[in-house]
Protein backbone atom coordinates (compact mmCIF):
# COMPACT_ATOMS: atom_id res chain seq x y z
CA MET A 1 -49.64 18.51 10.62
CA LYS A 2 -46.91 21.09 9.75
CA ARG A 3 -45.57 23.77 12.14
CA LEU A 4 -42.61 26.27 12.12
CA VAL A 5 -40.45 25.84 15.41
CA ASP A 6 -37.79 28.17 16.60
CA VAL A 7 -34.87 26.94 18.70
CA TYR A 8 -33.42 29.48 20.95
CA LYS A 9 -30.12 29.34 23.06
CA ASN A 10 -29.78 30.89 26.46
CA ARG A 11 -33.69 30.31 27.25
CA GLY A 12 -35.20 32.49 24.52
CA ARG A 13 -32.78 35.22 24.00
CA ASP A 14 -30.64 34.00 20.78
CA LEU A 15 -32.24 32.34 17.93
CA VAL A 16 -30.19 29.02 16.78
CA TRP A 17 -32.11 27.75 14.18
CA THR A 18 -35.65 27.19 12.53
CA TYR A 19 -37.26 23.91 11.86
CA VAL A 20 -40.36 22.86 9.78
CA ILE A 21 -41.74 19.99 11.64
CA ILE A 22 -44.35 17.57 10.27
CA LEU A 23 -46.11 15.24 12.30
CA ARG A 24 -48.79 12.81 11.31
CA ASN A 25 -52.16 13.24 12.64
CA ASP A 26 -54.26 10.25 12.38
CA ALA A 27 -56.81 8.39 14.69
CA ASP A 28 -54.09 7.57 17.19
CA PHE A 29 -52.06 10.43 17.41
CA HIS A 30 -53.32 14.07 17.46
CA PRO A 31 -50.00 16.25 18.04
CA ALA A 32 -49.94 19.26 20.26
CA GLN A 33 -47.72 22.31 20.49
CA VAL A 34 -45.31 20.58 22.77
CA ASP A 35 -44.90 17.62 20.47
CA PHE A 36 -43.65 20.00 17.69
CA GLU A 37 -41.29 21.39 20.28
CA ILE A 38 -39.94 18.35 21.72
CA GLU A 39 -39.31 17.23 18.05
CA ALA A 40 -37.12 20.31 17.39
CA LEU A 41 -35.12 19.84 20.27
CA ARG A 42 -34.44 16.23 19.42
CA LEU A 43 -33.47 17.23 15.95
CA SER A 44 -31.16 20.17 17.36
CA GLN A 45 -29.46 17.43 19.38
CA VAL A 46 -29.02 15.43 16.20
CA ASP A 47 -27.66 18.69 14.52
CA LYS A 48 -25.37 19.42 17.37
CA ARG A 49 -26.97 22.96 17.84
CA GLY A 50 -26.27 22.84 21.52
CA SER A 51 -26.94 20.99 24.78
CA LEU A 52 -30.54 20.68 25.95
CA ASN A 53 -30.00 22.31 29.12
CA GLU A 54 -29.18 25.72 27.10
CA LEU A 55 -31.90 25.33 24.51
CA SER A 56 -35.57 26.25 24.26
CA ALA A 57 -38.10 25.65 21.45
CA LYS A 58 -41.26 27.55 20.77
CA VAL A 59 -43.76 27.06 17.95
CA ARG A 60 -44.57 29.82 15.77
CA LEU A 61 -48.36 30.79 16.19
CA ASN A 62 -49.15 32.38 12.79
């Protein structure tokens, strides 16, 4: 499954980055919206976009 996830700074006020997150969907794992958001926050830490306490993520529901 593929989803666009926006990462915001200051709890949803300033858009920092948008990630295209692809998570495998098989018999053992069915990704939910929160799984995509967690992965985007993890990647934002790897990319040094900001600290976790100042970032939030939201899946685009197009």
